[in-house]
N, C-alpha and C. Protein backbone atom coordinates (compact mmCIF):
# COMPACT_ATOMS: atom_id res chain seq x y z
N UNK A 1 1.77 -14.76 15.79
CA UNK A 1 3.36 -13.62 16.24
C UNK A 1 3.60 -12.74 15.19
N UNK A 2 3.83 -11.94 16.19
CA UNK A 2 4.32 -10.41 15.22
C UNK A 2 5.74 -9.63 15.85
N UNK A 3 6.34 -8.98 14.68
CA UNK A 3 7.50 -8.49 14.75
C UNK A 3 7.13 -7.15 14.48
N UNK A 4 7.58 -6.59 15.86
CA UNK A 4 6.92 -5.07 16.12
C UNK A 4 7.64 -4.14 15.78
N UNK A 5 7.00 -2.93 15.25
CA UNK A 5 7.77 -1.94 13.84
C UNK A 5 8.97 -1.38 14.85
N UNK A 6 8.51 -1.19 16.16
CA UNK A 6 10.10 -0.29 16.60
C UNK A 6 11.02 -0.87 16.69
N UNK A 7 10.89 -2.75 16.69
CA UNK A 7 12.19 -3.45 16.91
C UNK A 7 13.12 -2.80 15.28
N UNK A 8 12.78 -2.80 14.34
CA UNK A 8 12.92 -2.72 12.91
C UNK A 8 13.60 -1.48 13.38
N UNK A 9 12.88 -0.31 13.87
CA UNK A 9 14.08 1.36 13.25
C UNK A 9 14.62 1.23 14.32
N UNK A 10 14.27 0.75 15.51
CA UNK A 10 15.50 0.48 16.38
C UNK A 10 17.19 0.12 15.79
N UNK A 11 16.64 -1.20 15.15
CA UNK A 11 17.64 -1.44 14.37
C UNK A 11 18.51 -0.48 13.21
N UNK A 12 17.72 -0.26 12.42
CA UNK A 12 18.15 1.19 11.18
C UNK A 12 18.67 2.14 12.10
N UNK A 13 18.15 2.66 13.01
CA UNK A 13 19.13 3.71 13.48
C UNK A 13 20.49 3.15 14.49
N UNK A 14 20.22 1.92 15.13
CA UNK A 14 21.76 1.79 15.62
C UNK A 14 22.51 1.88 14.77
N UNK A 15 22.08 1.80 13.56
CA UNK A 15 23.55 1.91 12.36
C UNK A 15 24.38 2.69 12.09
N UNK A 16 23.33 4.16 12.24
CA UNK A 16 24.15 4.96 11.82
C UNK A 16 23.37 5.98 13.18
N UNK A 17 23.46 5.63 14.44
CA UNK A 17 23.33 6.61 14.82
C UNK A 17 23.99 7.86 15.34
N UNK A 18 25.27 8.14 15.24
CA UNK A 18 25.79 9.38 15.15
C UNK A 18 25.26 10.57 14.25
N UNK A 19 25.13 9.89 13.38
CA UNK A 19 24.03 10.54 12.28
C UNK A 19 22.41 11.44 12.79
N UNK A 20 22.34 10.15 13.61
CA UNK A 20 21.19 10.86 14.21
C UNK A 20 21.32 12.13 15.02
N UNK A 21 21.74 11.57 15.87
CA UNK A 21 22.18 12.50 17.28
C UNK A 21 22.61 13.80 16.12
N UNK A 22 23.19 13.79 15.17
CA UNK A 22 23.95 15.04 14.51
C UNK A 22 22.73 15.63 13.86
N UNK A 23 21.26 14.88 13.08
CA UNK A 23 20.46 15.59 12.56
C UNK A 23 19.85 16.04 13.79
N UNK A 24 19.46 15.57 14.84
CA UNK A 24 18.63 16.08 15.87
C UNK A 24 19.04 17.69 16.44
N UNK A 25 20.30 17.02 16.82
CA UNK A 25 21.11 18.44 17.16
C UNK A 25 21.08 19.63 15.79
N UNK A 26 21.04 19.10 15.03
CA UNK A 26 21.37 20.68 14.29
C UNK A 26 19.79 20.89 13.72
N UNK A 27 18.63 19.89 14.09
CA UNK A 27 17.50 20.48 13.94
C UNK A 27 16.64 21.71 15.40
N UNK A 28 17.43 21.04 16.52
CA UNK A 28 17.25 22.15 17.46
C UNK A 28 18.01 23.43 17.15
N UNK A 29 19.41 23.69 16.88
CA UNK A 29 19.59 24.81 15.96
C UNK A 29 19.14 25.60 14.83
N UNK A 30 18.20 24.94 13.65
CA UNK A 30 17.63 25.54 13.10
C UNK A 30 16.02 26.11 13.79
N UNK A 31 15.84 25.63 14.59
CA UNK A 31 14.84 26.17 15.24
C UNK A 31 15.23 26.92 16.37
N UNK A 32 16.60 27.17 16.87
CA UNK A 32 16.91 28.05 17.42
C UNK A 32 17.00 28.98 16.97
N UNK A 33 17.49 28.79 15.57
CA UNK A 33 17.71 30.13 14.62
C UNK A 33 16.47 30.33 13.91
N UNK A 34 15.47 29.90 13.98
CA UNK A 34 14.20 30.42 13.39
C UNK A 34 14.33 30.01 11.99
N UNK A 35 15.26 29.25 11.63
CA UNK A 35 14.93 29.03 10.12
C UNK A 35 14.14 27.60 9.48
N UNK A 36 12.82 27.85 9.93
CA UNK A 36 12.15 26.88 9.68
C UNK A 36 11.68 26.09 8.15
N UNK A 37 12.40 26.18 7.04
CA UNK A 37 13.04 25.70 6.18
C UNK A 37 13.25 24.46 6.78
N UNK A 38 14.38 24.18 6.79
CA UNK A 38 15.78 23.39 7.50
C UNK A 38 15.01 22.62 8.57
N UNK A 39 14.34 23.07 9.22
CA UNK A 39 13.70 22.43 10.37
C UNK A 39 12.34 21.73 9.84
N UNK A 40 11.82 22.31 8.86
CA UNK A 40 10.49 21.30 8.06
C UNK A 40 11.26 20.18 7.05
N UNK A 41 12.28 20.36 6.64
CA UNK A 41 12.96 19.10 5.80
C UNK A 41 13.45 18.09 7.03
N UNK A 42 13.77 18.33 8.15
CA UNK A 42 14.01 17.88 9.16
C UNK A 42 12.55 16.44 9.41
N UNK A 43 11.43 17.61 10.12
CA UNK A 43 10.30 17.08 10.72
C UNK A 43 9.81 16.01 9.13
N UNK A 44 9.93 16.70 7.91
CA UNK A 44 9.16 15.65 6.99
C UNK A 44 9.89 14.59 7.21
N UNK A 45 11.21 14.52 6.91
CA UNK A 45 12.30 12.71 6.48
C UNK A 45 11.88 12.29 7.90
N UNK A 46 11.88 12.64 9.22
CA UNK A 46 11.62 11.86 10.42
C UNK A 46 10.22 11.58 10.81
N UNK A 47 9.32 12.02 10.19
CA UNK A 47 7.71 12.19 10.06
C UNK A 47 7.67 10.41 9.02
N UNK A 48 8.63 10.59 8.09
CA UNK A 48 7.92 9.06 7.01
C UNK A 48 9.18 8.05 7.84
N UNK A 49 10.52 8.48 8.44
CA UNK A 49 11.82 7.35 8.97
C UNK A 49 10.91 6.77 9.96
N UNK A 50 10.28 7.73 10.92
CA UNK A 50 9.84 6.63 12.29
C UNK A 50 8.61 6.34 11.89
N UNK A 51 7.66 6.21 10.67
CA UNK A 51 6.31 5.96 10.63
C UNK A 51 6.65 4.13 10.56
N UNK A 52 6.59 3.39 11.52
CA UNK A 52 6.47 1.61 11.26
C UNK A 52 5.68 0.91 11.48
N UNK A 53 5.09 0.04 11.05
CA UNK A 53 4.51 -0.59 11.37
C UNK A 53 4.54 -2.17 11.72
N UNK A 54 3.92 -2.70 12.44
CA UNK A 54 4.10 -4.46 12.88
C UNK A 54 3.97 -5.16 11.77
N UNK A 55 5.01 -5.89 11.76
CA UNK A 55 4.68 -6.97 10.61
C UNK A 55 4.50 -8.40 11.41
N UNK A 56 3.65 -9.02 10.54
CA UNK A 56 3.56 -10.84 11.19
C UNK A 56 4.92 -11.10 10.85
N UNK A 57 5.45 -12.37 11.95
CA UNK A 57 6.58 -12.94 12.10
C UNK A 57 6.61 -13.68 11.06
N UNK A 58 5.36 -14.30 10.14
CA UNK A 58 5.86 -15.12 9.43
C UNK A 58 6.25 -14.35 7.92
N UNK A 59 5.24 -12.64 8.04
CA UNK A 59 5.94 -12.37 6.82
C UNK A 59 7.56 -11.56 7.28
N UNK A 60 7.98 -11.64 8.37
CA UNK A 60 9.15 -10.50 8.38
C UNK A 60 10.01 -12.33 8.17
N UNK A 61 10.18 -13.53 8.62
CA UNK A 61 10.70 -14.54 8.07
C UNK A 61 10.89 -14.52 6.91
N UNK A 62 9.56 -14.87 6.03
CA UNK A 62 10.12 -15.25 5.10
C UNK A 62 10.91 -14.11 3.67
N UNK A 63 10.91 -12.74 4.56
CA UNK A 63 11.42 -11.19 3.58
C UNK A 63 13.12 -11.77 4.43
N UNK A 64 13.50 -12.16 5.37
CA UNK A 64 14.81 -12.64 5.60
C UNK A 64 15.42 -13.31 4.49
N UNK A 65 14.58 -14.64 4.78
CA UNK A 65 14.98 -16.03 3.64
C UNK A 65 15.05 -15.63 2.54
N UNK A 66 14.39 -14.98 1.79
CA UNK A 66 13.88 -14.87 0.33
C UNK A 66 15.50 -13.65 -0.18
N UNK A 67 15.53 -12.70 0.93
CA UNK A 67 16.16 -11.37 0.64
C UNK A 67 17.94 -11.77 1.15
N UNK A 68 17.94 -11.97 2.25
CA UNK A 68 19.24 -12.03 2.67
C UNK A 68 20.17 -13.26 2.97
N UNK A 69 19.13 -14.84 2.77
CA UNK A 69 19.33 -16.17 3.00
C UNK A 69 19.81 -16.63 1.43
N UNK A 70 18.95 -16.40 1.27
CA UNK A 70 19.00 -17.08 -0.32
C UNK A 70 19.15 -16.06 -1.55
N UNK A 71 18.95 -14.77 -0.92
CA UNK A 71 19.48 -13.86 -2.01
C UNK A 71 18.65 -13.90 -3.10
N UNK A 72 17.23 -13.76 -3.34
CA UNK A 72 16.78 -14.52 -4.75
C UNK A 72 16.44 -13.64 -5.98
N UNK A 73 16.50 -12.13 -5.83
CA UNK A 73 16.52 -11.30 -6.43
C UNK A 73 17.56 -11.45 -7.25
N UNK A 74 19.07 -11.32 -7.03
CA UNK A 74 20.44 -11.09 -7.95
C UNK A 74 20.58 -12.64 -8.62
N UNK A 75 19.87 -13.34 -7.79
CA UNK A 75 19.58 -14.64 -8.72
C UNK A 75 18.93 -15.01 -9.35
N UNK A 76 18.34 -13.86 -9.55
CA UNK A 76 16.88 -14.44 -10.41
C UNK A 76 15.84 -15.41 -10.31
N UNK A 77 16.01 -15.19 -9.19
CA UNK A 77 14.83 -16.52 -8.07
C UNK A 77 14.12 -15.69 -7.98
N UNK A 78 13.86 -14.55 -7.54
CA UNK A 78 12.36 -13.80 -6.95
C UNK A 78 10.93 -13.42 -7.63
N UNK A 79 10.36 -14.22 -6.97
CA UNK A 79 9.03 -13.96 -8.30
C UNK A 79 8.27 -12.66 -7.34
N UNK A 80 6.80 -12.13 -8.15
CA UNK A 80 5.97 -11.64 -7.64
C UNK A 80 4.74 -11.88 -7.90
N UNK A 81 3.51 -12.59 -7.31
CA UNK A 81 2.42 -12.57 -7.69
C UNK A 81 2.54 -13.96 -8.66
N UNK A 82 3.68 -14.72 -8.68
CA UNK A 82 4.12 -15.69 -9.35
C UNK A 82 4.85 -15.82 -10.62
N UNK A 83 4.77 -14.18 -10.61
CA UNK A 83 6.00 -13.99 -12.51
C UNK A 83 7.38 -13.94 -11.00
N UNK A 84 8.44 -14.51 -12.17
CA UNK A 84 9.81 -14.59 -12.00
C UNK A 84 9.99 -13.05 -12.01
N UNK A 85 10.59 -12.43 -11.48
CA UNK A 85 11.62 -11.05 -11.38
C UNK A 85 12.68 -11.14 -12.40
N UNK A 86 12.89 -10.30 -13.09
CA UNK A 86 14.22 -9.99 -14.25
C UNK A 86 15.08 -8.88 -13.58
N UNK A 87 15.89 -8.83 -13.10
CA UNK A 87 16.91 -8.59 -12.25
C UNK A 87 16.97 -7.11 -13.42
N UNK A 88 17.33 -7.70 -14.55
CA UNK A 88 18.24 -6.95 -15.78
C UNK A 88 16.90 -5.75 -16.34
N UNK A 89 15.94 -6.19 -16.00
CA UNK A 89 14.84 -5.31 -16.48
C UNK A 89 14.12 -4.07 -15.41
N UNK A 90 15.10 -4.07 -14.09
CA UNK A 90 14.81 -2.91 -13.55
C UNK A 90 15.45 -1.56 -13.82
N UNK A 91 14.70 -0.67 -13.68
CA UNK A 91 15.30 0.69 -14.66
C UNK A 91 15.65 1.57 -14.26
N UNK A 92 14.16 1.80 -12.91
CA UNK A 92 14.38 2.71 -11.75
C UNK A 92 13.82 2.63 -10.71
N UNK A 93 14.56 2.72 -9.10
CA UNK A 93 14.12 2.32 -7.78
C UNK A 93 14.07 3.90 -7.39
N UNK A 94 13.40 3.53 -6.12
CA UNK A 94 13.17 5.29 -5.18
C UNK A 94 14.54 5.07 -4.94
């Protein structure tokens, strides 16, 4: 079974729908005003934001359980490749 990426994207977008609508209106205005720099920033952001991938249902359900149900990372119970992750050792995040 597959969890389609467009469903995840729809969920993310619906949480901030007003902001996305405003961003697209602003994008249109940048194009009308020949403001290529700001229009390009919009394109770059949405090219990345809209790039989604389907996930196996197993992976999706495992992630939901680990991250949102059991809260494994803040409890210090999450592992990566068999090694327990120490949240206090995390120094930099994207």
